[in-house]
Amino acid sequence: MANVKSAKKRIKVIAKRTAVNRRVKSHLKEIIKTFDKAIEEKDFTLAEESLKLAEKKLMQAAAKGTIHKNTASRKVSRMHKKLNSAKAE
């Protein structure tokens, strides 16, 4: 356990940030699952809407430092690729 006041504060701050990051990551997973389900069911209008939302939320998470910007870009790119290949079938 921390003894110094600044170390005690850091513990509180880290706990708060961890909670925020967990919530954001959980929300991202839900959005991506919605996209995958829409692709599976061939519902392209829902897929496009969820892709738009996912791209926005992924980039926001990257901007805040919750996830790395390259990770966000990679996920968005793969989602676009998945949508385009599903439409082509």
N, C-alpha and C. Protein backbone atom coordinates (compact mmCIF):
# COMPACT_ATOMS: atom_id res chain seq x y z
N MET A 1 0.84 -1.19 0.00
CA MET A 1 0.00 0.00 0.00
C MET A 1 0.88 1.24 0.00
N ALA A 2 0.40 2.26 -0.71
CA ALA A 2 1.15 3.50 -0.83
C ALA A 2 1.14 4.27 0.49
N ASN A 3 2.25 4.94 0.78
CA ASN A 3 2.37 5.75 1.98
C ASN A 3 2.34 7.24 1.68
N VAL A 4 2.88 7.62 0.52
CA VAL A 4 2.98 9.02 0.15
C VAL A 4 1.64 9.49 -0.43
N LYS A 5 1.29 10.74 -0.13
CA LYS A 5 0.00 11.29 -0.56
C LYS A 5 -0.16 11.24 -2.08
N SER A 6 0.87 11.60 -2.81
CA SER A 6 0.78 11.61 -4.28
C SER A 6 0.57 10.20 -4.83
N ALA A 7 1.19 9.22 -4.19
CA ALA A 7 1.03 7.82 -4.62
C ALA A 7 -0.40 7.34 -4.36
N LYS A 8 -0.98 7.78 -3.25
CA LYS A 8 -2.36 7.42 -2.93
C LYS A 8 -3.31 8.02 -3.97
N LYS A 9 -3.03 9.26 -4.37
CA LYS A 9 -3.85 9.91 -5.38
C LYS A 9 -3.74 9.18 -6.71
N ARG A 10 -2.53 8.78 -7.07
CA ARG A 10 -2.32 8.07 -8.33
C ARG A 10 -3.14 6.77 -8.36
N ILE A 11 -3.21 6.09 -7.23
CA ILE A 11 -4.00 4.85 -7.16
C ILE A 11 -5.46 5.13 -7.47
N LYS A 12 -5.99 6.23 -6.91
CA LYS A 12 -7.38 6.61 -7.17
C LYS A 12 -7.60 6.96 -8.64
N VAL A 13 -6.67 7.74 -9.19
CA VAL A 13 -6.78 8.19 -10.58
C VAL A 13 -6.71 6.98 -11.53
N ILE A 14 -5.79 6.08 -11.26
CA ILE A 14 -5.63 4.90 -12.11
C ILE A 14 -6.89 4.04 -12.06
N ALA A 15 -7.47 3.88 -10.88
CA ALA A 15 -8.70 3.09 -10.75
C ALA A 15 -9.84 3.71 -11.56
N LYS A 16 -9.93 5.04 -11.53
CA LYS A 16 -10.98 5.74 -12.26
C LYS A 16 -10.78 5.58 -13.77
N ARG A 17 -9.55 5.77 -14.23
CA ARG A 17 -9.25 5.65 -15.66
C ARG A 17 -9.47 4.21 -16.15
N THR A 18 -9.11 3.24 -15.32
CA THR A 18 -9.30 1.84 -15.68
C THR A 18 -10.78 1.55 -15.89
N ALA A 19 -11.62 2.09 -15.02
CA ALA A 19 -13.06 1.89 -15.15
C ALA A 19 -13.60 2.51 -16.44
N VAL A 20 -13.12 3.69 -16.76
CA VAL A 20 -13.55 4.37 -17.99
C VAL A 20 -13.10 3.57 -19.20
N ASN A 21 -11.85 3.13 -19.21
CA ASN A 21 -11.32 2.37 -20.34
C ASN A 21 -12.06 1.06 -20.53
N ARG A 22 -12.39 0.39 -19.44
CA ARG A 22 -13.14 -0.87 -19.53
C ARG A 22 -14.51 -0.64 -20.15
N ARG A 23 -15.17 0.44 -19.71
CA ARG A 23 -16.50 0.76 -20.24
C ARG A 23 -16.43 1.04 -21.75
N VAL A 24 -15.43 1.81 -22.16
CA VAL A 24 -15.28 2.15 -23.57
C VAL A 24 -14.99 0.91 -24.40
N LYS A 25 -14.08 0.06 -23.94
CA LYS A 25 -13.74 -1.15 -24.68
C LYS A 25 -14.92 -2.10 -24.78
N SER A 26 -15.69 -2.19 -23.71
CA SER A 26 -16.88 -3.04 -23.72
C SER A 26 -17.89 -2.52 -24.75
N HIS A 27 -18.06 -1.21 -24.79
CA HIS A 27 -18.98 -0.59 -25.74
C HIS A 27 -18.52 -0.85 -27.18
N LEU A 28 -17.22 -0.76 -27.42
CA LEU A 28 -16.68 -1.02 -28.75
C LEU A 28 -16.96 -2.46 -29.17
N LYS A 29 -16.78 -3.39 -28.26
CA LYS A 29 -17.03 -4.81 -28.57
C LYS A 29 -18.49 -5.03 -28.93
N GLU A 30 -19.40 -4.37 -28.23
CA GLU A 30 -20.84 -4.49 -28.53
C GLU A 30 -21.14 -3.98 -29.94
N ILE A 31 -20.57 -2.84 -30.30
CA ILE A 31 -20.81 -2.26 -31.62
C ILE A 31 -20.27 -3.18 -32.71
N ILE A 32 -19.09 -3.73 -32.50
CA ILE A 32 -18.49 -4.62 -33.49
C ILE A 32 -19.31 -5.90 -33.63
N LYS A 33 -19.83 -6.41 -32.52
CA LYS A 33 -20.68 -7.60 -32.57
C LYS A 33 -21.96 -7.31 -33.34
N THR A 34 -22.52 -6.12 -33.17
CA THR A 34 -23.72 -5.73 -33.92
C THR A 34 -23.42 -5.72 -35.41
N PHE A 35 -22.27 -5.19 -35.78
CA PHE A 35 -21.85 -5.16 -37.19
C PHE A 35 -21.72 -6.58 -37.73
N ASP A 36 -21.02 -7.45 -36.98
CA ASP A 36 -20.81 -8.83 -37.43
C ASP A 36 -22.14 -9.58 -37.60
N LYS A 37 -23.05 -9.35 -36.68
CA LYS A 37 -24.36 -10.00 -36.75
C LYS A 37 -25.14 -9.53 -37.98
N ALA A 38 -25.06 -8.23 -38.27
CA ALA A 38 -25.74 -7.68 -39.45
C ALA A 38 -25.17 -8.26 -40.73
N ILE A 39 -23.85 -8.43 -40.78
CA ILE A 39 -23.21 -9.02 -41.96
C ILE A 39 -23.66 -10.47 -42.11
N GLU A 40 -23.71 -11.18 -41.00
CA GLU A 40 -24.11 -12.58 -41.01
C GLU A 40 -25.53 -12.75 -41.54
N GLU A 41 -26.42 -11.81 -41.17
CA GLU A 41 -27.81 -11.87 -41.58
C GLU A 41 -28.07 -11.16 -42.92
N LYS A 42 -27.01 -10.69 -43.56
CA LYS A 42 -27.09 -9.99 -44.86
C LYS A 42 -27.94 -8.73 -44.78
N ASP A 43 -27.95 -8.08 -43.63
CA ASP A 43 -28.68 -6.81 -43.45
C ASP A 43 -27.68 -5.67 -43.65
N PHE A 44 -27.52 -5.27 -44.90
CA PHE A 44 -26.45 -4.32 -45.24
C PHE A 44 -26.73 -2.90 -44.78
N THR A 45 -28.00 -2.52 -44.65
CA THR A 45 -28.29 -1.17 -44.16
C THR A 45 -27.88 -1.05 -42.69
N LEU A 46 -28.22 -2.06 -41.89
CA LEU A 46 -27.81 -2.06 -40.48
C LEU A 46 -26.29 -2.16 -40.37
N ALA A 47 -25.69 -2.95 -41.23
CA ALA A 47 -24.24 -3.12 -41.22
C ALA A 47 -23.54 -1.78 -41.51
N GLU A 48 -24.06 -1.05 -42.48
CA GLU A 48 -23.45 0.24 -42.83
C GLU A 48 -23.60 1.24 -41.70
N GLU A 49 -24.77 1.25 -41.06
CA GLU A 49 -24.99 2.16 -39.93
C GLU A 49 -24.05 1.82 -38.76
N SER A 50 -23.95 0.53 -38.46
CA SER A 50 -23.10 0.13 -37.33
C SER A 50 -21.62 0.33 -37.67
N LEU A 51 -21.27 0.20 -38.95
CA LEU A 51 -19.89 0.46 -39.36
C LEU A 51 -19.55 1.93 -39.17
N LYS A 52 -20.48 2.80 -39.54
CA LYS A 52 -20.27 4.25 -39.37
C LYS A 52 -20.07 4.59 -37.89
N LEU A 53 -20.95 4.02 -37.04
CA LEU A 53 -20.85 4.25 -35.60
C LEU A 53 -19.55 3.67 -35.04
N ALA A 54 -19.20 2.47 -35.49
CA ALA A 54 -17.99 1.81 -35.00
C ALA A 54 -16.75 2.62 -35.38
N GLU A 55 -16.72 3.12 -36.60
CA GLU A 55 -15.57 3.91 -37.03
C GLU A 55 -15.42 5.15 -36.16
N LYS A 56 -16.53 5.82 -35.90
CA LYS A 56 -16.51 7.03 -35.07
C LYS A 56 -16.01 6.70 -33.66
N LYS A 57 -16.58 5.68 -33.05
CA LYS A 57 -16.23 5.33 -31.68
C LYS A 57 -14.80 4.80 -31.57
N LEU A 58 -14.35 4.04 -32.55
CA LEU A 58 -12.97 3.55 -32.54
C LEU A 58 -11.97 4.70 -32.62
N MET A 59 -12.26 5.66 -33.48
CA MET A 59 -11.35 6.80 -33.63
C MET A 59 -11.36 7.68 -32.37
N GLN A 60 -12.53 7.81 -31.73
CA GLN A 60 -12.59 8.55 -30.47
C GLN A 60 -11.77 7.86 -29.39
N ALA A 61 -11.89 6.54 -29.32
CA ALA A 61 -11.12 5.77 -28.33
C ALA A 61 -9.63 5.90 -28.60
N ALA A 62 -9.25 5.92 -29.87
CA ALA A 62 -7.84 6.08 -30.22
C ALA A 62 -7.35 7.47 -29.85
N ALA A 63 -8.18 8.47 -30.07
CA ALA A 63 -7.80 9.85 -29.75
C ALA A 63 -7.60 10.02 -28.25
N LYS A 64 -8.40 9.33 -27.45
CA LYS A 64 -8.29 9.43 -26.00
C LYS A 64 -7.18 8.55 -25.43
N GLY A 65 -6.63 7.67 -26.27
CA GLY A 65 -5.55 6.81 -25.80
C GLY A 65 -6.02 5.50 -25.19
N THR A 66 -7.31 5.20 -25.33
CA THR A 66 -7.83 3.94 -24.79
C THR A 66 -7.30 2.77 -25.59
N ILE A 67 -7.28 2.94 -26.92
CA ILE A 67 -6.65 1.95 -27.80
C ILE A 67 -5.67 2.69 -28.70
N HIS A 68 -4.76 1.96 -29.32
CA HIS A 68 -3.76 2.57 -30.19
C HIS A 68 -4.42 2.97 -31.51
N LYS A 69 -3.95 4.05 -32.11
CA LYS A 69 -4.57 4.54 -33.34
C LYS A 69 -4.44 3.55 -34.49
N ASN A 70 -3.34 2.81 -34.53
CA ASN A 70 -3.18 1.81 -35.59
C ASN A 70 -4.15 0.65 -35.40
N THR A 71 -4.44 0.31 -34.15
CA THR A 71 -5.41 -0.75 -33.86
C THR A 71 -6.79 -0.32 -34.35
N ALA A 72 -7.16 0.91 -34.07
CA ALA A 72 -8.45 1.44 -34.51
C ALA A 72 -8.54 1.42 -36.04
N SER A 73 -7.49 1.88 -36.69
CA SER A 73 -7.47 1.92 -38.15
C SER A 73 -7.55 0.52 -38.74
N ARG A 74 -6.85 -0.41 -38.14
CA ARG A 74 -6.86 -1.80 -38.61
C ARG A 74 -8.26 -2.41 -38.49
N LYS A 75 -8.91 -2.18 -37.37
CA LYS A 75 -10.26 -2.72 -37.16
C LYS A 75 -11.24 -2.12 -38.16
N VAL A 76 -11.16 -0.81 -38.39
CA VAL A 76 -12.05 -0.15 -39.34
C VAL A 76 -11.81 -0.70 -40.75
N SER A 77 -10.56 -0.85 -41.11
CA SER A 77 -10.20 -1.36 -42.43
C SER A 77 -10.75 -2.76 -42.64
N ARG A 78 -10.61 -3.61 -41.64
CA ARG A 78 -11.11 -4.98 -41.75
C ARG A 78 -12.63 -5.03 -41.83
N MET A 79 -13.28 -4.11 -41.12
CA MET A 79 -14.74 -4.06 -41.18
C MET A 79 -15.22 -3.61 -42.56
N HIS A 80 -14.54 -2.62 -43.15
CA HIS A 80 -14.89 -2.17 -44.50
C HIS A 80 -14.70 -3.31 -45.50
N LYS A 81 -13.59 -4.02 -45.35
CA LYS A 81 -13.29 -5.13 -46.25
C LYS A 81 -14.35 -6.22 -46.13
N LYS A 82 -14.75 -6.51 -44.92
CA LYS A 82 -15.78 -7.53 -44.67
C LYS A 82 -17.11 -7.13 -45.29
N LEU A 83 -17.48 -5.86 -45.14
CA LEU A 83 -18.74 -5.37 -45.71
C LEU A 83 -18.72 -5.44 -47.23
N ASN A 84 -17.62 -4.98 -47.83
CA ASN A 84 -17.52 -4.98 -49.29
C ASN A 84 -17.55 -6.40 -49.86
N SER A 85 -16.88 -7.33 -49.21
CA SER A 85 -16.88 -8.70 -49.71
C SER A 85 -18.25 -9.36 -49.54
N ALA A 86 -18.96 -9.00 -48.48
CA ALA A 86 -20.30 -9.54 -48.26
C ALA A 86 -21.28 -8.98 -49.29
N LYS A 87 -21.12 -7.72 -49.66
CA LYS A 87 -21.98 -7.11 -50.67
C LYS A 87 -21.72 -7.74 -52.05
N ALA A 88 -20.46 -8.09 -52.32
CA ALA A 88 -20.08 -8.62 -53.62
C ALA A 88 -20.64 -10.02 -53.86
N GLU A 89 -20.92 -10.74 -52.80
CA GLU A 89 -21.43 -12.12 -52.93
C GLU A 89 -22.82 -12.17 -53.47
